[in-house]
Amino acid sequence: MRLGGLASTIAARCGGRAIPAPDLHLTLAFVGAWPIAAEPRLIDAMRTLAGPNGRTPAPAVEMSRLGSFGRGLVWIAPGADAPWLTDAGADLRETLLAAGIAFDPKPFRPHMTLVRKAHGAAWRDLAPPAQVVGGWTFALGRSIPVTGKPRYRWLRHHHVIGRS
């Protein structure tokens, strides 16, 4: 079962809104709303992750642990430590701080949101096979309101910084 299929399965069991497969992402730092004119500052901060040649080693990660932050958000996370993800999150946060860019200061917990607004915990009965996620792309994403579902779309491709 792929991650998009897993999201659909969880939403079918628990209600809520499955994140469409093309919109699945792992957020290293959430900076909130920024005016388009200020995006170059964010792009410069992200370039530190991509390294001087625009590429960064980004090994595949086995995502196998389901969980929830409550409030109906169901996620999948690495089943084992993924040090490069932790390091990338810490590096980006340090760079954002140095650049005076505010971000959500909650501790970084690598995860990919699968479903929003799920009801109940029927997802706990699932034992999905581990999903190996690779080919990571570091990108500045923007959610924009749209009518209908999904309410927000993740636009990953508008500033691609580096690819493994």
N, C-alpha and C. Protein backbone atom coordinates (compact mmCIF):
# COMPACT_ATOMS: atom_id res chain seq x y z
N MET A 1 0.86 -1.18 0.00
CA MET A 1 0.00 0.00 0.00
C MET A 1 0.90 1.24 0.00
N ARG A 2 0.71 2.14 -0.93
CA ARG A 2 1.48 3.37 -1.01
C ARG A 2 0.90 4.37 0.00
N LEU A 3 1.64 5.45 0.24
CA LEU A 3 1.21 6.42 1.25
C LEU A 3 -0.13 7.08 0.91
N GLY A 4 -0.35 7.41 -0.37
CA GLY A 4 -1.64 7.98 -0.76
C GLY A 4 -2.78 7.02 -0.51
N GLY A 5 -2.55 5.73 -0.80
CA GLY A 5 -3.56 4.70 -0.54
C GLY A 5 -3.80 4.53 0.95
N LEU A 6 -2.73 4.60 1.73
CA LEU A 6 -2.86 4.50 3.19
C LEU A 6 -3.69 5.66 3.72
N ALA A 7 -3.43 6.86 3.21
CA ALA A 7 -4.21 8.04 3.63
C ALA A 7 -5.69 7.83 3.31
N SER A 8 -5.99 7.32 2.13
CA SER A 8 -7.38 7.08 1.74
C SER A 8 -8.03 6.02 2.63
N THR A 9 -7.28 4.96 2.96
CA THR A 9 -7.79 3.90 3.83
C THR A 9 -8.13 4.46 5.21
N ILE A 10 -7.23 5.28 5.75
CA ILE A 10 -7.48 5.87 7.07
C ILE A 10 -8.70 6.78 7.03
N ALA A 11 -8.81 7.61 5.99
CA ALA A 11 -9.96 8.51 5.88
C ALA A 11 -11.26 7.71 5.74
N ALA A 12 -11.22 6.58 5.02
CA ALA A 12 -12.42 5.75 4.89
C ALA A 12 -12.83 5.16 6.23
N ARG A 13 -11.87 4.82 7.07
CA ARG A 13 -12.16 4.25 8.39
C ARG A 13 -12.57 5.30 9.41
N CYS A 14 -11.96 6.48 9.32
CA CYS A 14 -12.11 7.48 10.38
C CYS A 14 -12.76 8.77 9.93
N GLY A 15 -13.13 8.86 8.68
CA GLY A 15 -13.63 10.14 8.19
C GLY A 15 -12.45 11.09 8.04
N GLY A 16 -12.74 12.32 7.84
CA GLY A 16 -11.68 13.30 7.67
C GLY A 16 -11.27 13.43 6.23
N ARG A 17 -10.19 14.16 6.02
CA ARG A 17 -9.73 14.47 4.67
C ARG A 17 -8.34 13.88 4.45
N ALA A 18 -8.25 12.91 3.54
CA ALA A 18 -6.95 12.34 3.19
C ALA A 18 -6.16 13.39 2.41
N ILE A 19 -4.87 13.48 2.71
CA ILE A 19 -4.01 14.37 1.94
C ILE A 19 -3.76 13.67 0.60
N PRO A 20 -4.03 14.36 -0.52
CA PRO A 20 -3.78 13.72 -1.82
C PRO A 20 -2.31 13.35 -1.97
N ALA A 21 -2.04 12.21 -2.60
CA ALA A 21 -0.66 11.72 -2.74
C ALA A 21 0.30 12.79 -3.26
N PRO A 22 -0.06 13.60 -4.27
CA PRO A 22 0.92 14.59 -4.75
C PRO A 22 1.23 15.69 -3.73
N ASP A 23 0.38 15.82 -2.72
CA ASP A 23 0.56 16.87 -1.72
C ASP A 23 1.24 16.39 -0.45
N LEU A 24 1.55 15.11 -0.35
CA LEU A 24 2.22 14.59 0.85
C LEU A 24 3.60 15.23 0.96
N HIS A 25 3.95 15.65 2.16
CA HIS A 25 5.23 16.33 2.37
C HIS A 25 5.65 16.19 3.83
N LEU A 26 6.90 16.46 4.08
CA LEU A 26 7.45 16.47 5.42
C LEU A 26 7.96 17.89 5.66
N THR A 27 7.39 18.58 6.63
CA THR A 27 7.75 19.96 6.92
C THR A 27 8.93 20.01 7.88
N LEU A 28 10.00 20.69 7.47
CA LEU A 28 11.17 20.86 8.35
C LEU A 28 10.96 22.03 9.29
N ALA A 29 10.29 23.08 8.82
CA ALA A 29 9.98 24.24 9.65
C ALA A 29 8.75 24.92 9.07
N PHE A 30 7.82 25.30 9.94
CA PHE A 30 6.60 25.98 9.49
C PHE A 30 6.76 27.45 9.81
N VAL A 31 6.79 28.28 8.77
CA VAL A 31 7.00 29.71 8.97
C VAL A 31 5.72 30.52 8.91
N GLY A 32 4.62 29.92 8.54
CA GLY A 32 3.36 30.66 8.49
C GLY A 32 3.26 31.53 7.25
N ALA A 33 2.39 32.53 7.33
CA ALA A 33 2.11 33.39 6.17
C ALA A 33 3.25 34.38 5.92
N TRP A 34 3.64 34.47 4.66
CA TRP A 34 4.67 35.43 4.23
C TRP A 34 4.22 36.08 2.94
N PRO A 35 4.50 37.38 2.79
CA PRO A 35 4.17 38.01 1.50
C PRO A 35 5.10 37.48 0.41
N ILE A 36 4.59 37.39 -0.79
CA ILE A 36 5.37 36.88 -1.92
C ILE A 36 6.69 37.64 -2.04
N ALA A 37 6.69 38.95 -1.83
CA ALA A 37 7.91 39.75 -1.99
C ALA A 37 9.01 39.33 -1.00
N ALA A 38 8.64 38.70 0.12
CA ALA A 38 9.63 38.30 1.12
C ALA A 38 10.16 36.88 0.90
N GLU A 39 9.63 36.17 -0.09
CA GLU A 39 10.05 34.79 -0.31
C GLU A 39 11.55 34.64 -0.60
N PRO A 40 12.22 35.59 -1.25
CA PRO A 40 13.66 35.40 -1.47
C PRO A 40 14.44 35.14 -0.18
N ARG A 41 14.03 35.74 0.94
CA ARG A 41 14.70 35.48 2.22
C ARG A 41 14.55 34.01 2.62
N LEU A 42 13.35 33.47 2.42
CA LEU A 42 13.11 32.06 2.75
C LEU A 42 13.90 31.15 1.81
N ILE A 43 13.93 31.49 0.54
CA ILE A 43 14.67 30.68 -0.43
C ILE A 43 16.15 30.66 -0.08
N ASP A 44 16.71 31.81 0.29
CA ASP A 44 18.12 31.86 0.69
C ASP A 44 18.37 30.96 1.90
N ALA A 45 17.46 30.96 2.85
CA ALA A 45 17.61 30.10 4.03
C ALA A 45 17.59 28.63 3.62
N MET A 46 16.72 28.27 2.70
CA MET A 46 16.63 26.88 2.27
C MET A 46 17.85 26.44 1.48
N ARG A 47 18.50 27.37 0.81
CA ARG A 47 19.68 27.00 0.03
C ARG A 47 20.78 26.42 0.92
N THR A 48 20.77 26.76 2.20
CA THR A 48 21.77 26.19 3.11
C THR A 48 21.59 24.68 3.22
N LEU A 49 20.35 24.20 3.08
CA LEU A 49 20.10 22.76 3.12
C LEU A 49 20.61 22.07 1.87
N ALA A 50 20.47 22.73 0.75
CA ALA A 50 20.81 22.10 -0.51
C ALA A 50 22.31 22.05 -0.76
N GLY A 51 23.08 22.82 -0.02
CA GLY A 51 24.53 22.81 -0.19
C GLY A 51 24.95 23.68 -1.37
N PRO A 52 26.24 23.90 -1.51
CA PRO A 52 26.72 24.84 -2.51
C PRO A 52 26.46 24.41 -3.95
N ASN A 53 26.34 23.12 -4.21
CA ASN A 53 26.12 22.69 -5.59
C ASN A 53 24.65 22.39 -5.88
N GLY A 54 23.76 22.78 -4.95
CA GLY A 54 22.33 22.58 -5.17
C GLY A 54 21.84 21.17 -4.88
N ARG A 55 22.71 20.29 -4.40
CA ARG A 55 22.30 18.93 -4.07
C ARG A 55 22.71 18.62 -2.64
N THR A 56 21.98 17.78 -2.03
CA THR A 56 22.31 17.36 -0.67
C THR A 56 22.08 15.86 -0.57
N PRO A 57 22.93 15.16 0.15
CA PRO A 57 22.65 13.73 0.31
C PRO A 57 21.40 13.56 1.16
N ALA A 58 20.45 12.86 0.65
CA ALA A 58 19.19 12.66 1.36
C ALA A 58 18.79 11.20 1.22
N PRO A 59 19.23 10.37 2.16
CA PRO A 59 18.94 8.94 2.05
C PRO A 59 17.44 8.64 2.17
N ALA A 60 17.04 7.51 1.63
CA ALA A 60 15.66 7.06 1.77
C ALA A 60 15.37 6.81 3.25
N VAL A 61 14.13 6.98 3.62
CA VAL A 61 13.70 6.78 5.00
C VAL A 61 12.53 5.81 5.00
N GLU A 62 12.57 4.87 5.91
CA GLU A 62 11.47 3.91 6.05
C GLU A 62 10.41 4.50 6.99
N MET A 63 9.27 4.82 6.44
CA MET A 63 8.16 5.37 7.21
C MET A 63 7.26 4.19 7.60
N SER A 64 7.09 3.96 8.90
CA SER A 64 6.34 2.78 9.30
C SER A 64 5.52 2.97 10.58
N ARG A 65 5.64 4.11 11.22
CA ARG A 65 4.96 4.30 12.51
C ARG A 65 3.82 5.29 12.35
N LEU A 66 2.58 4.81 12.58
CA LEU A 66 1.42 5.70 12.54
C LEU A 66 1.23 6.35 13.89
N GLY A 67 0.71 7.57 13.88
CA GLY A 67 0.43 8.26 15.12
C GLY A 67 -0.51 9.42 14.87
N SER A 68 -0.80 10.14 15.94
CA SER A 68 -1.71 11.28 15.86
C SER A 68 -1.26 12.35 16.84
N PHE A 69 -1.42 13.58 16.45
CA PHE A 69 -1.17 14.68 17.38
C PHE A 69 -2.48 15.08 18.06
N GLY A 70 -3.53 14.29 17.85
CA GLY A 70 -4.83 14.67 18.37
C GLY A 70 -5.48 15.63 17.38
N ARG A 71 -6.60 16.18 17.74
CA ARG A 71 -7.29 17.11 16.86
C ARG A 71 -7.54 16.54 15.47
N GLY A 72 -7.53 15.20 15.34
CA GLY A 72 -7.87 14.56 14.09
C GLY A 72 -6.77 14.49 13.06
N LEU A 73 -5.53 14.77 13.43
CA LEU A 73 -4.42 14.72 12.48
C LEU A 73 -3.70 13.38 12.64
N VAL A 74 -3.71 12.56 11.59
CA VAL A 74 -3.05 11.25 11.61
C VAL A 74 -1.84 11.33 10.69
N TRP A 75 -0.70 10.82 11.18
CA TRP A 75 0.56 10.92 10.45
C TRP A 75 1.28 9.59 10.39
N ILE A 76 2.31 9.54 9.52
CA ILE A 76 3.24 8.43 9.49
C ILE A 76 4.63 9.01 9.69
N ALA A 77 5.46 8.28 10.42
CA ALA A 77 6.80 8.76 10.76
C ALA A 77 7.81 7.64 10.59
N PRO A 78 9.09 8.00 10.60
CA PRO A 78 10.11 6.94 10.53
C PRO A 78 9.95 5.99 11.71
N GLY A 79 10.12 4.69 11.43
CA GLY A 79 10.05 3.70 12.49
C GLY A 79 11.32 3.68 13.31
N ALA A 80 12.40 4.15 12.75
CA ALA A 80 13.69 4.21 13.43
C ALA A 80 14.24 5.63 13.27
N ASP A 81 15.27 5.89 14.02
CA ASP A 81 15.91 7.21 13.94
C ASP A 81 16.32 7.52 12.50
N ALA A 82 16.09 8.74 12.08
CA ALA A 82 16.53 9.23 10.76
C ALA A 82 17.37 10.47 11.02
N PRO A 83 18.65 10.28 11.40
CA PRO A 83 19.48 11.40 11.82
C PRO A 83 19.58 12.53 10.79
N TRP A 84 19.61 12.20 9.50
CA TRP A 84 19.75 13.28 8.52
C TRP A 84 18.52 14.18 8.53
N LEU A 85 17.32 13.61 8.80
CA LEU A 85 16.12 14.45 8.89
C LEU A 85 16.20 15.37 10.10
N THR A 86 16.61 14.82 11.22
CA THR A 86 16.75 15.63 12.43
C THR A 86 17.78 16.73 12.21
N ASP A 87 18.90 16.38 11.59
CA ASP A 87 19.95 17.38 11.30
C ASP A 87 19.45 18.45 10.34
N ALA A 88 18.72 18.04 9.29
CA ALA A 88 18.21 19.01 8.32
C ALA A 88 17.24 19.97 8.99
N GLY A 89 16.36 19.46 9.86
CA GLY A 89 15.44 20.32 10.59
C GLY A 89 16.17 21.30 11.49
N ALA A 90 17.18 20.81 12.21
CA ALA A 90 17.96 21.67 13.11
C ALA A 90 18.74 22.72 12.32
N ASP A 91 19.35 22.31 11.20
CA ASP A 91 20.11 23.25 10.38
C ASP A 91 19.22 24.36 9.83
N LEU A 92 18.06 23.97 9.32
CA LEU A 92 17.16 24.99 8.77
C LEU A 92 16.68 25.93 9.87
N ARG A 93 16.34 25.42 11.02
CA ARG A 93 15.87 26.27 12.12
C ARG A 93 16.97 27.24 12.57
N GLU A 94 18.20 26.77 12.64
CA GLU A 94 19.32 27.67 12.99
C GLU A 94 19.46 28.78 11.96
N THR A 95 19.36 28.43 10.69
CA THR A 95 19.48 29.41 9.62
C THR A 95 18.33 30.41 9.68
N LEU A 96 17.12 29.93 9.93
CA LEU A 96 15.97 30.83 10.04
C LEU A 96 16.16 31.81 11.20
N LEU A 97 16.62 31.29 12.34
CA LEU A 97 16.87 32.16 13.49
C LEU A 97 17.90 33.24 13.15
N ALA A 98 19.01 32.83 12.53
CA ALA A 98 20.07 33.77 12.18
C ALA A 98 19.57 34.83 11.19
N ALA A 99 18.61 34.46 10.33
CA ALA A 99 18.08 35.39 9.34
C ALA A 99 16.93 36.22 9.89
N GLY A 100 16.57 35.99 11.15
CA GLY A 100 15.47 36.74 11.75
C GLY A 100 14.10 36.32 11.23
N ILE A 101 13.99 35.09 10.77
CA ILE A 101 12.72 34.58 10.25
C ILE A 101 12.06 33.72 11.33
N ALA A 102 10.88 34.14 11.76
CA ALA A 102 10.16 33.42 12.81
C ALA A 102 9.56 32.13 12.24
N PHE A 103 9.48 31.09 13.08
CA PHE A 103 8.87 29.82 12.71
C PHE A 103 8.23 29.23 13.94
N ASP A 104 7.38 28.23 13.74
CA ASP A 104 6.74 27.55 14.85
C ASP A 104 7.82 26.84 15.66
N PRO A 105 7.98 27.19 16.94
CA PRO A 105 9.09 26.65 17.73
C PRO A 105 8.85 25.28 18.35
N LYS A 106 7.72 24.64 18.05
CA LYS A 106 7.48 23.31 18.61
C LYS A 106 8.65 22.40 18.25
N PRO A 107 8.98 21.44 19.11
CA PRO A 107 10.08 20.51 18.77
C PRO A 107 9.81 19.81 17.45
N PHE A 108 10.86 19.63 16.68
CA PHE A 108 10.75 18.98 15.37
C PHE A 108 10.55 17.49 15.56
N ARG A 109 9.47 16.96 14.99
CA ARG A 109 9.17 15.54 15.01
C ARG A 109 8.89 15.13 13.57
N PRO A 110 9.87 14.50 12.89
CA PRO A 110 9.67 14.16 11.49
C PRO A 110 8.42 13.31 11.29
N HIS A 111 7.53 13.76 10.41
CA HIS A 111 6.31 13.03 10.11
C HIS A 111 5.72 13.56 8.81
N MET A 112 4.86 12.77 8.22
CA MET A 112 4.09 13.17 7.05
C MET A 112 2.62 13.05 7.41
N THR A 113 1.90 14.16 7.34
CA THR A 113 0.47 14.12 7.63
C THR A 113 -0.24 13.35 6.54
N LEU A 114 -1.08 12.40 6.94
CA LEU A 114 -1.86 11.59 6.00
C LEU A 114 -3.32 12.01 5.94
N VAL A 115 -3.90 12.34 7.11
CA VAL A 115 -5.33 12.68 7.18
C VAL A 115 -5.52 13.82 8.18
N ARG A 116 -6.36 14.74 7.81
CA ARG A 116 -6.78 15.83 8.71
C ARG A 116 -8.25 15.61 9.07
N LYS A 117 -8.62 16.01 10.27
CA LYS A 117 -10.00 15.96 10.76
C LYS A 117 -10.55 14.54 10.84
N ALA A 118 -9.69 13.57 11.17
CA ALA A 118 -10.15 12.19 11.37
C ALA A 118 -10.94 12.13 12.68
N HIS A 119 -11.89 11.22 12.73
CA HIS A 119 -12.71 11.03 13.94
C HIS A 119 -12.39 9.65 14.51
N GLY A 120 -12.12 9.59 15.78
CA GLY A 120 -11.85 8.30 16.40
C GLY A 120 -10.44 7.81 16.12
N ALA A 121 -10.19 6.58 16.52
CA ALA A 121 -8.83 6.03 16.42
C ALA A 121 -8.82 4.68 15.72
N ALA A 122 -9.74 4.45 14.76
CA ALA A 122 -9.76 3.18 14.05
C ALA A 122 -8.47 2.96 13.26
N TRP A 123 -7.71 4.02 13.02
CA TRP A 123 -6.42 3.89 12.32
C TRP A 123 -5.43 3.08 13.14
N ARG A 124 -5.62 3.02 14.45
CA ARG A 124 -4.68 2.30 15.32
C ARG A 124 -4.65 0.80 15.01
N ASP A 125 -5.73 0.28 14.42
CA ASP A 125 -5.78 -1.15 14.09
C ASP A 125 -4.99 -1.48 12.83
N LEU A 126 -4.58 -0.48 12.09
CA LEU A 126 -3.85 -0.72 10.85
C LEU A 126 -2.39 -1.04 11.15
N ALA A 127 -1.86 -1.96 10.41
CA ALA A 127 -0.43 -2.28 10.49
C ALA A 127 0.12 -2.20 9.07
N PRO A 128 0.28 -0.97 8.57
CA PRO A 128 0.71 -0.85 7.17
C PRO A 128 2.15 -1.33 7.00
N PRO A 129 2.46 -1.87 5.83
CA PRO A 129 3.86 -2.21 5.58
C PRO A 129 4.69 -0.94 5.54
N ALA A 130 5.95 -1.07 5.91
CA ALA A 130 6.83 0.10 5.88
C ALA A 130 6.90 0.66 4.47
N GLN A 131 6.89 1.96 4.38
CA GLN A 131 6.99 2.66 3.11
C GLN A 131 8.36 3.31 3.03
N VAL A 132 9.15 2.98 2.02
CA VAL A 132 10.46 3.60 1.85
C VAL A 132 10.26 4.85 1.01
N VAL A 133 10.62 5.99 1.59
CA VAL A 133 10.46 7.27 0.91
C VAL A 133 11.84 7.81 0.58
N GLY A 134 12.07 8.07 -0.67
CA GLY A 134 13.35 8.61 -1.13
C GLY A 134 13.13 9.65 -2.19
N GLY A 135 14.21 10.13 -2.79
CA GLY A 135 14.10 11.16 -3.81
C GLY A 135 13.58 12.47 -3.24
N TRP A 136 13.98 12.78 -2.02
CA TRP A 136 13.49 13.97 -1.34
C TRP A 136 13.83 15.23 -2.14
N THR A 137 12.91 16.17 -2.14
CA THR A 137 13.12 17.47 -2.76
C THR A 137 12.94 18.53 -1.68
N PHE A 138 13.91 19.41 -1.53
CA PHE A 138 13.76 20.53 -0.61
C PHE A 138 13.08 21.65 -1.39
N ALA A 139 11.94 22.11 -0.89
CA ALA A 139 11.17 23.10 -1.62
C ALA A 139 10.48 24.04 -0.66
N LEU A 140 10.26 25.23 -1.11
CA LEU A 140 9.45 26.19 -0.37
C LEU A 140 8.03 25.97 -0.84
N GLY A 141 7.16 25.56 0.05
CA GLY A 141 5.78 25.28 -0.32
C GLY A 141 4.87 26.38 0.16
N ARG A 142 3.72 26.45 -0.46
CA ARG A 142 2.73 27.44 -0.06
C ARG A 142 1.36 26.79 -0.14
N SER A 143 0.61 26.91 0.92
CA SER A 143 -0.77 26.44 0.89
C SER A 143 -1.64 27.62 0.48
N ILE A 144 -2.57 27.37 -0.42
CA ILE A 144 -3.47 28.44 -0.83
C ILE A 144 -4.90 27.96 -0.67
N PRO A 145 -5.80 28.87 -0.26
CA PRO A 145 -7.20 28.46 -0.14
C PRO A 145 -7.78 28.17 -1.53
N VAL A 146 -8.55 27.13 -1.62
CA VAL A 146 -9.26 26.81 -2.85
C VAL A 146 -10.68 26.42 -2.46
N THR A 147 -11.58 26.49 -3.41
CA THR A 147 -12.95 26.07 -3.11
C THR A 147 -13.05 24.56 -3.26
N GLY A 148 -13.95 23.98 -2.54
CA GLY A 148 -14.12 22.54 -2.61
C GLY A 148 -13.06 21.83 -1.81
N LYS A 149 -12.79 20.57 -2.16
CA LYS A 149 -11.80 19.78 -1.42
C LYS A 149 -10.62 19.49 -2.30
N PRO A 150 -9.41 19.40 -1.82
CA PRO A 150 -9.04 19.77 -0.46
C PRO A 150 -9.09 21.28 -0.29
N ARG A 151 -9.26 21.71 0.95
CA ARG A 151 -9.39 23.13 1.24
C ARG A 151 -8.10 23.87 0.95
N TYR A 152 -6.97 23.23 1.21
CA TYR A 152 -5.68 23.84 0.92
C TYR A 152 -4.88 22.93 0.02
N ARG A 153 -4.15 23.49 -0.90
CA ARG A 153 -3.29 22.72 -1.78
C ARG A 153 -1.84 23.08 -1.47
N TRP A 154 -1.01 22.10 -1.49
CA TRP A 154 0.42 22.28 -1.25
C TRP A 154 1.10 22.45 -2.59
N LEU A 155 1.72 23.59 -2.82
CA LEU A 155 2.38 23.85 -4.09
C LEU A 155 3.87 23.64 -3.91
N ARG A 156 4.32 22.41 -4.15
CA ARG A 156 5.70 22.06 -3.88
C ARG A 156 6.66 22.48 -4.98
N HIS A 157 6.18 22.68 -6.16
CA HIS A 157 7.10 22.80 -7.28
C HIS A 157 7.46 24.23 -7.62
N HIS A 158 7.08 25.20 -6.80
CA HIS A 158 7.37 26.52 -7.28
C HIS A 158 8.75 27.04 -6.94
N HIS A 159 9.46 26.45 -6.02
CA HIS A 159 10.85 26.81 -5.77
C HIS A 159 11.63 25.56 -5.36
N VAL A 160 12.04 24.78 -6.30
CA VAL A 160 12.79 23.57 -5.97
C VAL A 160 14.23 23.98 -5.69
N ILE A 161 14.72 23.59 -4.53
CA ILE A 161 16.05 24.00 -4.09
C ILE A 161 17.09 22.91 -4.32
N GLY A 162 16.78 21.69 -4.03
CA GLY A 162 17.77 20.62 -4.21
C GLY A 162 17.07 19.28 -4.27
N ARG A 163 17.68 18.32 -4.90
CA ARG A 163 17.08 16.99 -4.98
C ARG A 163 18.18 15.96 -4.76
N SER A 164 17.81 14.92 -4.02
CA SER A 164 18.81 13.88 -3.77
C SER A 164 19.01 13.02 -5.00
